Amino acid sequence: MQCRHWDGSLPVNKAAVFWMEYSGDYENGTWTTHVIKWGDGFQGLGELNGEKWDQFIFEDVDRDGDLDIVANCEEFSFIGFVYIAVVWFENPLA
C-alpha cells in the first residue's frame, strides 16, 4: 500500500513501523496510532523507492522480561539497489 498527497507526491513524514490500539466499545471505539519508527523520508528519483517492513516477531531478545520486536526491513530504489536488514526494537517500557 502506498500513501500519496493530493498532488501525487509521496509524503515524507509517515510512520514506517507502528502499532494501533483500539479503545472503547465495539460500535463507538477509536483507534490510536503509536509510532515505533518514522519513515526515512527518502524519495530518491522515482516512485519505486521506499521501505518495506514485514515478518514481525515478538520476542524477549534481551531477556529483561518484556517483549521486543524483531522485523525484516527491505529498502529499495528503482535503480536496483536493495538493502535487507533484520532490525531489533527494544521495548523501553519495562
PDB file of N, CA and C in Angstrom:
ATOM      1  N   MET A   1       0.842  -1.157   0.000  1.00  0.00           N
ATOM      2  CA  MET A   1       0.000   0.000   0.000  1.00  0.00           C
ATOM      3  C   MET A   1       0.889   1.221   0.000  1.00  0.00           C
ATOM      4  N   GLN A   2       0.474   2.257  -0.681  1.00  0.00           N
ATOM      5  CA  GLN A   2       1.268   3.464  -0.770  1.00  0.00           C
ATOM      6  C   GLN A   2       0.370   4.659  -0.514  1.00  0.00           C
ATOM      7  N   CYS A   3       0.877   5.605   0.254  1.00  0.00           N
ATOM      8  CA  CYS A   3       0.120   6.810   0.581  1.00  0.00           C
ATOM      9  C   CYS A   3       0.647   7.960  -0.266  1.00  0.00           C
ATOM     10  N   ARG A   4      -0.254   8.732  -0.855  1.00  0.00           N
ATOM     11  CA  ARG A   4       0.156   9.878  -1.664  1.00  0.00           C
ATOM     12  C   ARG A   4      -0.647  11.109  -1.258  1.00  0.00           C
ATOM     13  N   HIS A   5      -0.001  12.273  -1.467  1.00  0.00           N
ATOM     14  CA  HIS A   5      -0.696  13.538  -1.271  1.00  0.00           C
ATOM     15  C   HIS A   5      -1.646  13.774  -2.443  1.00  0.00           C
ATOM     16  N   TRP A   6      -2.505  14.788  -2.325  1.00  0.00           N
ATOM     17  CA  TRP A   6      -3.476  15.089  -3.375  1.00  0.00           C
ATOM     18  C   TRP A   6      -2.805  15.405  -4.704  1.00  0.00           C
ATOM     19  N   ASP A   7      -1.553  15.913  -4.664  1.00  0.00           N
ATOM     20  CA  ASP A   7      -0.854  16.259  -5.903  1.00  0.00           C
ATOM     21  C   ASP A   7      -0.058  15.089  -6.479  1.00  0.00           C
ATOM     22  N   GLY A   8      -0.150  13.912  -5.848  1.00  0.00           N
ATOM     23  CA  GLY A   8       0.536  12.731  -6.348  1.00  0.00           C
ATOM     24  C   GLY A   8       1.894  12.477  -5.736  1.00  0.00           C
ATOM     25  N   SER A   9       2.410  13.421  -4.941  1.00  0.00           N
ATOM     26  CA  SER A   9       3.728  13.229  -4.334  1.00  0.00           C
ATOM     27  C   SER A   9       3.634  12.312  -3.121  1.00  0.00           C
ATOM     28  N   LEU A  10       4.759  11.669  -2.801  1.00  0.00           N
ATOM     29  CA  LEU A  10       4.815  10.787  -1.641  1.00  0.00           C
ATOM     30  C   LEU A  10       5.093  11.594  -0.382  1.00  0.00           C
ATOM     31  N   PRO A  11       4.436  11.300   0.724  1.00  0.00           N
ATOM     32  CA  PRO A  11       4.696  12.013   1.974  1.00  0.00           C
ATOM     33  C   PRO A  11       6.027  11.583   2.582  1.00  0.00           C
ATOM     34  N   VAL A  12       6.686  12.499   3.295  1.00  0.00           N
ATOM     35  CA  VAL A  12       7.975  12.189   3.914  1.00  0.00           C
ATOM     36  C   VAL A  12       7.871  12.055   5.423  1.00  0.00           C
ATOM     37  N   ASN A  13       6.719  12.283   5.993  1.00  0.00           N
ATOM     38  CA  ASN A  13       6.580  12.280   7.453  1.00  0.00           C
ATOM     39  C   ASN A  13       5.611  11.204   7.940  1.00  0.00           C
ATOM     40  N   LYS A  14       5.675  10.045   7.355  1.00  0.00           N
ATOM     41  CA  LYS A  14       4.756   8.962   7.722  1.00  0.00           C
ATOM     42  C   LYS A  14       5.486   7.898   8.530  1.00  0.00           C
ATOM     43  N   ALA A  15       4.735   7.215   9.366  1.00  0.00           N
ATOM     44  CA  ALA A  15       5.310   6.148  10.185  1.00  0.00           C
ATOM     45  C   ALA A  15       5.594   4.928   9.314  1.00  0.00           C
ATOM     46  N   ALA A  16       6.766   4.337   9.514  1.00  0.00           N
ATOM     47  CA  ALA A  16       7.113   3.115   8.798  1.00  0.00           C
ATOM     48  C   ALA A  16       6.717   1.889   9.611  1.00  0.00           C
ATOM     49  N   VAL A  17       6.872   1.973  10.935  1.00  0.00           N
ATOM     50  CA  VAL A  17       6.514   0.875  11.829  1.00  0.00           C
ATOM     51  C   VAL A  17       5.665   1.464  12.952  1.00  0.00           C
ATOM     52  N   PHE A  18       4.500   0.887  13.174  1.00  0.00           N
ATOM     53  CA  PHE A  18       3.605   1.414  14.205  1.00  0.00           C
ATOM     54  C   PHE A  18       2.698   0.296  14.697  1.00  0.00           C
ATOM     55  N   TRP A  19       2.078   0.533  15.849  1.00  0.00           N
ATOM     56  CA  TRP A  19       1.027  -0.369  16.324  1.00  0.00           C
ATOM     57  C   TRP A  19      -0.194   0.470  16.619  1.00  0.00           C
ATOM     58  N   MET A  20      -1.365  -0.137  16.495  1.00  0.00           N
ATOM     59  CA  MET A  20      -2.611   0.589  16.692  1.00  0.00           C
ATOM     60  C   MET A  20      -3.371  -0.011  17.861  1.00  0.00           C
ATOM     61  N   GLU A  21      -3.915   0.879  18.677  1.00  0.00           N
ATOM     62  CA  GLU A  21      -4.649   0.483  19.884  1.00  0.00           C
ATOM     63  C   GLU A  21      -6.106   0.900  19.733  1.00  0.00           C
ATOM     64  N   TYR A  22      -7.015  -0.035  19.963  1.00  0.00           N
ATOM     65  CA  TYR A  22      -8.448   0.241  19.895  1.00  0.00           C
ATOM     66  C   TYR A  22      -8.967   0.407  21.309  1.00  0.00           C
ATOM     67  N   SER A  23      -9.647   1.508  21.557  1.00  0.00           N
ATOM     68  CA  SER A  23     -10.235   1.713  22.881  1.00  0.00           C
ATOM     69  C   SER A  23     -11.701   2.103  22.730  1.00  0.00           C
ATOM     70  N   GLY A  24     -12.495   1.707  23.681  1.00  0.00           N
ATOM     71  CA  GLY A  24     -13.925   1.960  23.623  1.00  0.00           C
ATOM     72  C   GLY A  24     -14.673   0.681  23.323  1.00  0.00           C
ATOM     73  N   ASP A  25     -15.978   0.810  23.156  1.00  0.00           N
ATOM     74  CA  ASP A  25     -16.765  -0.379  22.872  1.00  0.00           C
ATOM     75  C   ASP A  25     -16.767  -0.683  21.369  1.00  0.00           C
ATOM     76  N   TYR A  26     -17.437  -1.759  21.014  1.00  0.00           N
ATOM     77  CA  TYR A  26     -17.428  -2.257  19.642  1.00  0.00           C
ATOM     78  C   TYR A  26     -17.903  -1.217  18.629  1.00  0.00           C
ATOM     79  N   GLU A  27     -18.960  -0.474  18.948  1.00  0.00           N
ATOM     80  CA  GLU A  27     -19.558   0.446  17.980  1.00  0.00           C
ATOM     81  C   GLU A  27     -19.004   1.857  18.049  1.00  0.00           C
ATOM     82  N   ASN A  28     -18.481   2.269  19.195  1.00  0.00           N
ATOM     83  CA  ASN A  28     -18.082   3.670  19.357  1.00  0.00           C
ATOM     84  C   ASN A  28     -16.615   3.838  19.742  1.00  0.00           C
ATOM     85  N   GLY A  29     -15.802   2.872  19.440  1.00  0.00           N
ATOM     86  CA  GLY A  29     -14.393   2.945  19.803  1.00  0.00           C
ATOM     87  C   GLY A  29     -13.591   3.807  18.841  1.00  0.00           C
ATOM     88  N   THR A  30     -12.357   4.065  19.224  1.00  0.00           N
ATOM     89  CA  THR A  30     -11.445   4.828  18.381  1.00  0.00           C
ATOM     90  C   THR A  30     -10.096   4.113  18.313  1.00  0.00           C
ATOM     91  N   TRP A  31      -9.381   4.360  17.246  1.00  0.00           N
ATOM     92  CA  TRP A  31      -8.043   3.805  17.061  1.00  0.00           C
ATOM     93  C   TRP A  31      -7.014   4.885  17.359  1.00  0.00           C
ATOM     94  N   THR A  32      -5.966   4.520  18.078  1.00  0.00           N
ATOM     95  CA  THR A  32      -4.844   5.414  18.352  1.00  0.00           C
ATOM     96  C   THR A  32      -3.588   4.777  17.764  1.00  0.00           C
ATOM     97  N   THR A  33      -2.838   5.559  16.987  1.00  0.00           N
ATOM     98  CA  THR A  33      -1.606   5.067  16.374  1.00  0.00           C
ATOM     99  C   THR A  33      -0.423   5.399  17.260  1.00  0.00           C
ATOM    100  N   HIS A  34       0.425   4.404  17.516  1.00  0.00           N
ATOM    101  CA  HIS A  34       1.649   4.582  18.300  1.00  0.00           C
ATOM    102  C   HIS A  34       2.835   4.304  17.372  1.00  0.00           C
ATOM    103  N   VAL A  35       3.629   5.330  17.104  1.00  0.00           N
ATOM    104  CA  VAL A  35       4.751   5.197  16.171  1.00  0.00           C
ATOM    105  C   VAL A  35       5.929   4.523  16.859  1.00  0.00           C
ATOM    106  N   ILE A  36       6.488   3.522  16.215  1.00  0.00           N
ATOM    107  CA  ILE A  36       7.714   2.866  16.671  1.00  0.00           C
ATOM    108  C   ILE A  36       8.901   3.408  15.882  1.00  0.00           C
ATOM    109  N   LYS A  37       8.730   3.611  14.570  1.00  0.00           N
ATOM    110  CA  LYS A  37       9.781   4.179  13.730  1.00  0.00           C
ATOM    111  C   LYS A  37       9.149   5.004  12.623  1.00  0.00           C
ATOM    112  N   TRP A  38       9.633   6.232  12.468  1.00  0.00           N
ATOM    113  CA  TRP A  38       9.184   7.072  11.365  1.00  0.00           C
ATOM    114  C   TRP A  38       9.860   6.615  10.085  1.00  0.00           C
ATOM    115  N   GLY A  39       9.219   6.843   8.942  1.00  0.00           N
ATOM    116  CA  GLY A  39       9.827   6.524   7.653  1.00  0.00           C
ATOM    117  C   GLY A  39      11.075   7.360   7.449  1.00  0.00           C
ATOM    118  N   ASP A  40      11.990   6.870   6.617  1.00  0.00           N
ATOM    119  CA  ASP A  40      13.246   7.590   6.425  1.00  0.00           C
ATOM    120  C   ASP A  40      13.091   8.816   5.541  1.00  0.00           C
ATOM    121  N   GLY A  41      11.968   8.954   4.851  1.00  0.00           N
ATOM    122  CA  GLY A  41      11.709  10.142   4.049  1.00  0.00           C
ATOM    123  C   GLY A  41      12.441  10.172   2.730  1.00  0.00           C
ATOM    124  N   PHE A  42      13.184   9.127   2.390  1.00  0.00           N
ATOM    125  CA  PHE A  42      13.929   9.113   1.134  1.00  0.00           C
ATOM    126  C   PHE A  42      12.971   8.973  -0.030  1.00  0.00           C
ATOM    127  N   GLN A  43      12.991   9.939  -0.915  1.00  0.00           N
ATOM    128  CA  GLN A  43      12.119   9.887  -2.083  1.00  0.00           C
ATOM    129  C   GLN A  43      12.880   9.513  -3.346  1.00  0.00           C
ATOM    130  N   GLY A  44      14.184   9.754  -3.372  1.00  0.00           N
ATOM    131  CA  GLY A  44      15.012   9.334  -4.497  1.00  0.00           C
ATOM    132  C   GLY A  44      14.579   9.931  -5.816  1.00  0.00           C
ATOM    133  N   LEU A  45      14.725   9.145  -6.856  1.00  0.00           N
ATOM    134  CA  LEU A  45      14.493   9.636  -8.209  1.00  0.00           C
ATOM    135  C   LEU A  45      13.248   9.048  -8.856  1.00  0.00           C
ATOM    136  N   GLY A  46      12.369   8.509  -8.078  1.00  0.00           N
ATOM    137  CA  GLY A  46      11.173   7.910  -8.656  1.00  0.00           C
ATOM    138  C   GLY A  46      10.257   7.364  -7.591  1.00  0.00           C
ATOM    139  N   GLU A  47       9.130   6.846  -8.021  1.00  0.00           N
ATOM    140  CA  GLU A  47       8.132   6.389  -7.063  1.00  0.00           C
ATOM    141  C   GLU A  47       8.385   4.977  -6.561  1.00  0.00           C
ATOM    142  N   LEU A  48       9.366   4.271  -7.086  1.00  0.00           N
ATOM    143  CA  LEU A  48       9.623   2.905  -6.656  1.00  0.00           C
ATOM    144  C   LEU A  48      10.690   2.837  -5.572  1.00  0.00           C
ATOM    145  N   ASN A  49      10.867   3.898  -4.829  1.00  0.00           N
ATOM    146  CA  ASN A  49      11.794   3.928  -3.704  1.00  0.00           C
ATOM    147  C   ASN A  49      11.006   3.766  -2.425  1.00  0.00           C
ATOM    148  N   GLY A  50      11.617   3.174  -1.415  1.00  0.00           N
ATOM    149  CA  GLY A  50      10.924   3.108  -0.137  1.00  0.00           C
ATOM    150  C   GLY A  50      11.407   1.986   0.745  1.00  0.00           C
ATOM    151  N   GLU A  51      10.668   1.776   1.836  1.00  0.00           N
ATOM    152  CA  GLU A  51      10.981   0.721   2.783  1.00  0.00           C
ATOM    153  C   GLU A  51       9.779  -0.204   2.898  1.00  0.00           C
ATOM    154  N   LYS A  52      10.070  -1.474   3.058  1.00  0.00           N
ATOM    155  CA  LYS A  52       9.008  -2.457   3.260  1.00  0.00           C
ATOM    156  C   LYS A  52       9.354  -3.234   4.517  1.00  0.00           C
ATOM    157  N   TRP A  53       8.442  -3.243   5.469  1.00  0.00           N
ATOM    158  CA  TRP A  53       8.630  -3.945   6.743  1.00  0.00           C
ATOM    159  C   TRP A  53       7.692  -5.132   6.783  1.00  0.00           C
ATOM    160  N   ASP A  54       8.216  -6.295   7.207  1.00  0.00           N
ATOM    161  CA  ASP A  54       7.355  -7.463   7.354  1.00  0.00           C
ATOM    162  C   ASP A  54       8.014  -8.484   8.272  1.00  0.00           C
ATOM    163  N   GLN A  55       7.337  -9.585   8.456  1.00  0.00           N
ATOM    164  CA  GLN A  55       7.787 -10.702   9.278  1.00  0.00           C
ATOM    165  C   GLN A  55       8.174 -10.265  10.693  1.00  0.00           C
ATOM    166  N   PHE A  56       7.248  -9.599  11.349  1.00  0.00           N
ATOM    167  CA  PHE A  56       7.460  -9.148  12.727  1.00  0.00           C
ATOM    168  C   PHE A  56       7.347 -10.320  13.694  1.00  0.00           C
ATOM    169  N   ILE A  57       8.287 -10.399  14.616  1.00  0.00           N
ATOM    170  CA  ILE A  57       8.269 -11.416  15.663  1.00  0.00           C
ATOM    171  C   ILE A  57       8.382 -10.704  17.000  1.00  0.00           C
ATOM    172  N   PHE A  58       7.547 -11.079  17.940  1.00  0.00           N
ATOM    173  CA  PHE A  58       7.614 -10.523  19.290  1.00  0.00           C
ATOM    174  C   PHE A  58       8.349 -11.523  20.163  1.00  0.00           C
ATOM    175  N   GLU A  59       9.491 -11.102  20.709  1.00  0.00           N
ATOM    176  CA  GLU A  59      10.366 -11.996  21.465  1.00  0.00           C
ATOM    177  C   GLU A  59      11.125 -11.178  22.511  1.00  0.00           C
ATOM    178  N   ASP A  60      11.391 -11.775  23.644  1.00  0.00           N
ATOM    179  CA  ASP A  60      12.183 -11.115  24.690  1.00  0.00           C
ATOM    180  C   ASP A  60      13.668 -11.293  24.351  1.00  0.00           C
ATOM    181  N   VAL A  61      14.162 -10.488  23.420  1.00  0.00           N
ATOM    182  CA  VAL A  61      15.525 -10.628  22.906  1.00  0.00           C
ATOM    183  C   VAL A  61      16.567 -10.398  23.994  1.00  0.00           C
ATOM    184  N   ASP A  62      16.390  -9.362  24.797  1.00  0.00           N
ATOM    185  CA  ASP A  62      17.393  -9.012  25.811  1.00  0.00           C
ATOM    186  C   ASP A  62      17.120  -9.646  27.174  1.00  0.00           C
ATOM    187  N   ARG A  63      16.123 -10.498  27.243  1.00  0.00           N
ATOM    188  CA  ARG A  63      15.774 -11.252  28.452  1.00  0.00           C
ATOM    189  C   ARG A  63      15.558 -10.353  29.683  1.00  0.00           C
ATOM    190  N   ASP A  64      14.845  -9.241  29.447  1.00  0.00           N
ATOM    191  CA  ASP A  64      14.525  -8.349  30.568  1.00  0.00           C
ATOM    192  C   ASP A  64      13.078  -8.486  31.017  1.00  0.00           C
ATOM    193  N   GLY A  65      12.354  -9.460  30.477  1.00  0.00           N
ATOM    194  CA  GLY A  65      11.004  -9.740  30.930  1.00  0.00           C
ATOM    195  C   GLY A  65       9.901  -9.122  30.100  1.00  0.00           C
ATOM    196  N   ASP A  66      10.235  -8.338  29.070  1.00  0.00           N
ATOM    197  CA  ASP A  66       9.193  -7.768  28.215  1.00  0.00           C
ATOM    198  C   ASP A  66       9.440  -8.175  26.762  1.00  0.00           C
ATOM    199  N   LEU A  67       8.416  -8.012  25.943  1.00  0.00           N
ATOM    200  CA  LEU A  67       8.533  -8.390  24.542  1.00  0.00           C
ATOM    201  C   LEU A  67       9.150  -7.261  23.726  1.00  0.00           C
ATOM    202  N   ASP A  68      10.134  -7.602  22.921  1.00  0.00           N
ATOM    203  CA  ASP A  68      10.738  -6.694  21.959  1.00  0.00           C
ATOM    204  C   ASP A  68      10.218  -7.086  20.577  1.00  0.00           C
ATOM    205  N   ILE A  69      10.574  -6.310  19.563  1.00  0.00           N
ATOM    206  CA  ILE A  69      10.152  -6.612  18.198  1.00  0.00           C
ATOM    207  C   ILE A  69      11.388  -6.862  17.345  1.00  0.00           C
ATOM    208  N   VAL A  70      11.363  -7.949  16.601  1.00  0.00           N
ATOM    209  CA  VAL A  70      12.383  -8.225  15.590  1.00  0.00           C
ATOM    210  C   VAL A  70      11.646  -8.266  14.255  1.00  0.00           C
ATOM    211  N   ALA A  71      12.171  -7.535  13.265  1.00  0.00           N
ATOM    212  CA  ALA A  71      11.471  -7.439  11.988  1.00  0.00           C
ATOM    213  C   ALA A  71      12.456  -7.428  10.829  1.00  0.00           C
ATOM    214  N   ASN A  72      11.938  -7.703   9.658  1.00  0.00           N
ATOM    215  CA  ASN A  72      12.700  -7.640   8.420  1.00  0.00           C
ATOM    216  C   ASN A  72      12.394  -6.315   7.733  1.00  0.00           C
ATOM    217  N   CYS A  73      13.435  -5.639   7.268  1.00  0.00           N
ATOM    218  CA  CYS A  73      13.250  -4.393   6.526  1.00  0.00           C
ATOM    219  C   CYS A  73      13.965  -4.502   5.194  1.00  0.00           C
ATOM    220  N   GLU A  74      13.271  -4.131   4.134  1.00  0.00           N
ATOM    221  CA  GLU A  74      13.882  -4.033   2.814  1.00  0.00           C
ATOM    222  C   GLU A  74      13.770  -2.587   2.366  1.00  0.00           C
ATOM    223  N   GLU A  75      14.898  -1.984   2.040  1.00  0.00           N
ATOM    224  CA  GLU A  75      14.906  -0.642   1.459  1.00  0.00           C
ATOM    225  C   GLU A  75      15.356  -0.800   0.020  1.00  0.00           C
ATOM    226  N   PHE A  76      14.634  -0.180  -0.892  1.00  0.00           N
ATOM    227  CA  PHE A  76      14.915  -0.416  -2.298  1.00  0.00           C
ATOM    228  C   PHE A  76      14.732   0.856  -3.104  1.00  0.00           C
ATOM    229  N   SER A  77      15.349   0.891  -4.272  1.00  0.00           N
ATOM    230  CA  SER A  77      15.191   2.011  -5.190  1.00  0.00           C
ATOM    231  C   SER A  77      14.977   1.465  -6.594  1.00  0.00           C
ATOM    232  N   PHE A  78      14.445   2.301  -7.439  1.00  0.00           N
ATOM    233  CA  PHE A  78      14.115   1.848  -8.784  1.00  0.00           C
ATOM    234  C   PHE A  78      15.356   1.552  -9.622  1.00  0.00           C
ATOM    235  N   ILE A  79      16.542   2.010  -9.198  1.00  0.00           N
ATOM    236  CA  ILE A  79      17.751   1.745  -9.980  1.00  0.00           C
ATOM    237  C   ILE A  79      18.407   0.424  -9.596  1.00  0.00           C
ATOM    238  N   GLY A  80      17.787  -0.326  -8.701  1.00  0.00           N
ATOM    239  CA  GLY A  80      18.225  -1.678  -8.450  1.00  0.00           C
ATOM    240  C   GLY A  80      18.905  -1.949  -7.127  1.00  0.00           C
ATOM    241  N   PHE A  81      19.138  -0.937  -6.320  1.00  0.00           N
ATOM    242  CA  PHE A  81      19.754  -1.185  -5.023  1.00  0.00           C
ATOM    243  C   PHE A  81      18.721  -1.747  -4.060  1.00  0.00           C
ATOM    244  N   VAL A  82      19.070  -2.819  -3.386  1.00  0.00           N
ATOM    245  CA  VAL A  82      18.193  -3.393  -2.374  1.00  0.00           C
ATOM    246  C   VAL A  82      19.026  -3.665  -1.133  1.00  0.00           C
ATOM    247  N   TYR A  83      18.551  -3.157  -0.007  1.00  0.00           N
ATOM    248  CA  TYR A  83      19.214  -3.394   1.265  1.00  0.00           C
ATOM    249  C   TYR A  83      18.253  -4.175   2.143  1.00  0.00           C
ATOM    250  N   ILE A  84      18.710  -5.274   2.694  1.00  0.00           N
ATOM    251  CA  ILE A  84      17.871  -6.099   3.551  1.00  0.00           C
ATOM    252  C   ILE A  84      18.507  -6.146   4.930  1.00  0.00           C
ATOM    253  N   ALA A  85      17.701  -5.947   5.957  1.00  0.00           N
ATOM    254  CA  ALA A  85      18.228  -5.930   7.318  1.00  0.00           C
ATOM    255  C   ALA A  85      17.242  -6.584   8.273  1.00  0.00           C
ATOM    256  N   VAL A  86      17.781  -7.141   9.332  1.00  0.00           N
ATOM    257  CA  VAL A  86      16.975  -7.584  10.461  1.00  0.00           C
ATOM    258  C   VAL A  86      17.130  -6.515  11.530  1.00  0.00           C
ATOM    259  N   VAL A  87      16.011  -6.005  12.034  1.00  0.00           N
ATOM    260  CA  VAL A  87      16.031  -4.881  12.968  1.00  0.00           C
ATOM    261  C   VAL A  87      15.389  -5.302  14.284  1.00  0.00           C
ATOM    262  N   TRP A  88      16.007  -4.881  15.376  1.00  0.00           N
ATOM    263  CA  TRP A  88      15.500  -5.165  16.720  1.00  0.00           C
ATOM    264  C   TRP A  88      15.051  -3.854  17.344  1.00  0.00           C
ATOM    265  N   PHE A  89      13.798  -3.799  17.760  1.00  0.00           N
ATOM    266  CA  PHE A  89      13.263  -2.659  18.500  1.00  0.00           C
ATOM    267  C   PHE A  89      13.132  -3.089  19.953  1.00  0.00           C
ATOM    268  N   GLU A  90      13.937  -2.494  20.827  1.00  0.00           N
ATOM    269  CA  GLU A  90      13.883  -2.838  22.243  1.00  0.00           C
ATOM    270  C   GLU A  90      12.692  -2.150  22.895  1.00  0.00           C
ATOM    271  N   ASN A  91      11.947  -2.866  23.706  1.00  0.00           N
ATOM    272  CA  ASN A  91      10.805  -2.315  24.424  1.00  0.00           C
ATOM    273  C   ASN A  91      11.320  -1.493  25.607  1.00  0.00           C
ATOM    274  N   PRO A  92      11.102  -0.162  25.606  1.00  0.00           N
ATOM    275  CA  PRO A  92      11.613   0.678  26.685  1.00  0.00           C
ATOM    276  C   PRO A  92      10.682   0.772  27.889  1.00  0.00           C
ATOM    277  N   LEU A  93       9.552   0.089  27.869  1.00  0.00           N
ATOM    278  CA  LEU A  93       8.535   0.286  28.903  1.00  0.00           C
ATOM    279  C   LEU A  93       8.649  -0.648  30.091  1.00  0.00           C
ATOM    280  N   ALA A  94       9.647  -1.486  30.146  1.00  0.00           N
ATOM    281  CA  ALA A  94       9.742  -2.451  31.253  1.00  0.00           C
ATOM    282  C   ALA A  94      10.313  -1.820  32.503  1.00  0.00           C
TER     283      ALA A  94
END
